[in-house]
Amino acid sequence: MKTIQVPIEEGLLKTIDEKAHSRFKNRSDFIRKACQQLIKSLEEQEKDNTYVKGYQKTPEKVKVAEVSAKLASSVLKKENW
């Protein structure tokens, strides 16, 4: 594992320390987990953007969308919500 130095505002550091103290081993653990969570979120956004661009490039045909909606609604009615 590599050690780094990152400048950070005092107010943010205080909040990090408060949260880290109550839920994590230490400040470093909190920051590592926060970075991992942000990376995961960014990757999900990239996937969503790729999905949207794909449909913009090759839109779904109206008939296929109608059939898909009917199938989904029939399945969802059977689910216990």
C-alpha atoms as a PDB file:
ATOM      1  CA  MET A   1       0.000   0.000   0.000  1.00  0.00           C
ATOM      2  CA  LYS A   2       1.281   3.458  -0.871  1.00  0.00           C
ATOM      3  CA  THR A   3       1.015   6.472   1.443  1.00  0.00           C
ATOM      4  CA  ILE A   4      -0.026   9.808  -0.071  1.00  0.00           C
ATOM      5  CA  GLN A   5      -0.540  13.375   1.140  1.00  0.00           C
ATOM      6  CA  VAL A   6      -3.705  15.219   0.172  1.00  0.00           C
ATOM      7  CA  PRO A   7      -4.518  18.827   1.091  1.00  0.00           C
ATOM      8  CA  ILE A   8      -8.032  19.048   2.546  1.00  0.00           C
ATOM      9  CA  GLU A   9     -10.180  21.811   4.025  1.00  0.00           C
ATOM     10  CA  GLU A  10     -10.352  21.888   7.827  1.00  0.00           C
ATOM     11  CA  GLY A  11     -14.151  21.631   7.961  1.00  0.00           C
ATOM     12  CA  LEU A  12     -14.182  18.584   5.708  1.00  0.00           C
ATOM     13  CA  LEU A  13     -11.379  16.976   7.703  1.00  0.00           C
ATOM     14  CA  LYS A  14     -13.320  17.514  10.927  1.00  0.00           C
ATOM     15  CA  THR A  15     -16.390  15.825   9.411  1.00  0.00           C
ATOM     16  CA  ILE A  16     -14.276  12.937   8.111  1.00  0.00           C
ATOM     17  CA  ASP A  17     -12.735  12.437  11.544  1.00  0.00           C
ATOM     18  CA  GLU A  18     -16.150  12.456  13.216  1.00  0.00           C
ATOM     19  CA  LYS A  19     -17.570   9.889  10.797  1.00  0.00           C
ATOM     20  CA  ALA A  20     -14.412   7.785  10.772  1.00  0.00           C
ATOM     21  CA  HIS A  21     -14.309   7.648  14.556  1.00  0.00           C
ATOM     22  CA  SER A  22     -17.832   6.294  14.849  1.00  0.00           C
ATOM     23  CA  ARG A  23     -17.924   3.845  11.932  1.00  0.00           C
ATOM     24  CA  PHE A  24     -14.443   2.943  10.705  1.00  0.00           C
ATOM     25  CA  LYS A  25     -11.083   1.835  12.042  1.00  0.00           C
ATOM     26  CA  ASN A  26      -9.465   5.183  11.323  1.00  0.00           C
ATOM     27  CA  ARG A  27      -9.381   8.171   8.969  1.00  0.00           C
ATOM     28  CA  SER A  28      -7.416   6.294   6.308  1.00  0.00           C
ATOM     29  CA  ASP A  29      -9.948   3.454   6.252  1.00  0.00           C
ATOM     30  CA  PHE A  30     -12.773   5.980   5.852  1.00  0.00           C
ATOM     31  CA  ILE A  31     -11.023   7.768   2.975  1.00  0.00           C
ATOM     32  CA  ARG A  32     -10.148   4.487   1.217  1.00  0.00           C
ATOM     33  CA  LYS A  33     -13.760   3.319   1.411  1.00  0.00           C
ATOM     34  CA  ALA A  34     -15.060   6.717   0.246  1.00  0.00           C
ATOM     35  CA  CYS A  35     -12.721   6.599  -2.765  1.00  0.00           C
ATOM     36  CA  GLN A  36     -13.799   3.048  -3.588  1.00  0.00           C
ATOM     37  CA  GLN A  37     -17.449   4.058  -3.386  1.00  0.00           C
ATOM     38  CA  LEU A  38     -16.896   7.090  -5.634  1.00  0.00           C
ATOM     39  CA  ILE A  39     -15.028   4.981  -8.194  1.00  0.00           C
ATOM     40  CA  LYS A  40     -17.850   2.424  -8.204  1.00  0.00           C
ATOM     41  CA  SER A  41     -20.403   5.209  -8.671  1.00  0.00           C
ATOM     42  CA  LEU A  42     -18.427   6.727 -11.560  1.00  0.00           C
ATOM     43  CA  GLU A  43     -18.158   3.308 -13.223  1.00  0.00           C
ATOM     44  CA  GLU A  44     -21.935   2.854 -12.924  1.00  0.00           C
ATOM     45  CA  GLN A  45     -22.462   6.283 -14.487  1.00  0.00           C
ATOM     46  CA  GLU A  46     -20.145   5.309 -17.354  1.00  0.00           C
ATOM     47  CA  LYS A  47     -22.176   2.126 -17.912  1.00  0.00           C
ATOM     48  CA  ASP A  48     -25.412   4.115 -17.882  1.00  0.00           C
ATOM     49  CA  ASN A  49     -23.986   6.604 -20.380  1.00  0.00           C
ATOM     50  CA  THR A  50     -22.874   3.770 -22.668  1.00  0.00           C
ATOM     51  CA  TYR A  51     -26.362   2.249 -22.461  1.00  0.00           C
ATOM     52  CA  VAL A  52     -28.021   5.573 -23.317  1.00  0.00           C
ATOM     53  CA  LYS A  53     -25.622   6.254 -26.199  1.00  0.00           C
ATOM     54  CA  GLY A  54     -26.337   2.777 -27.570  1.00  0.00           C
ATOM     55  CA  TYR A  55     -30.069   3.454 -27.626  1.00  0.00           C
ATOM     56  CA  GLN A  56     -29.498   6.899 -29.119  1.00  0.00           C
ATOM     57  CA  LYS A  57     -27.400   5.334 -31.871  1.00  0.00           C
ATOM     58  CA  THR A  58     -29.808   2.434 -32.447  1.00  0.00           C
ATOM     59  CA  PRO A  59     -33.224   3.299 -31.024  1.00  0.00           C
ATOM     60  CA  GLU A  60     -35.595   0.548 -30.021  1.00  0.00           C
ATOM     61  CA  LYS A  61     -38.390  -0.074 -32.508  1.00  0.00           C
ATOM     62  CA  VAL A  62     -41.826   1.061 -31.281  1.00  0.00           C
ATOM     63  CA  LYS A  63     -43.381  -2.402 -31.597  1.00  0.00           C
ATOM     64  CA  VAL A  64     -40.559  -4.022 -29.602  1.00  0.00           C
ATOM     65  CA  ALA A  65     -40.938  -1.371 -26.876  1.00  0.00           C
ATOM     66  CA  GLU A  66     -44.698  -1.949 -26.689  1.00  0.00           C
ATOM     67  CA  VAL A  67     -44.296  -5.722 -26.364  1.00  0.00           C
ATOM     68  CA  SER A  68     -41.541  -5.292 -23.761  1.00  0.00           C
ATOM     69  CA  ALA A  69     -43.728  -2.934 -21.720  1.00  0.00           C
ATOM     70  CA  LYS A  70     -46.651  -5.381 -21.797  1.00  0.00           C
ATOM     71  CA  LEU A  71     -44.449  -8.283 -20.732  1.00  0.00           C
ATOM     72  CA  ALA A  72     -42.861  -6.266 -17.939  1.00  0.00           C
ATOM     73  CA  SER A  73     -46.220  -5.086 -16.636  1.00  0.00           C
ATOM     74  CA  SER A  74     -47.609  -8.619 -16.590  1.00  0.00           C
ATOM     75  CA  VAL A  75     -44.597  -9.863 -14.631  1.00  0.00           C
ATOM     76  CA  LEU A  76     -44.637  -6.922 -12.218  1.00  0.00           C
ATOM     77  CA  LYS A  77     -48.296  -7.503 -11.382  1.00  0.00           C
ATOM     78  CA  LYS A  78     -47.322 -10.928 -10.030  1.00  0.00           C
ATOM     79  CA  GLU A  79     -44.568  -9.516  -7.793  1.00  0.00           C
ATOM     80  CA  ASN A  80     -45.254  -8.832  -4.130  1.00  0.00           C
ATOM     81  CA  TRP A  81     -44.492  -5.144  -3.731  1.00  0.00           C
END
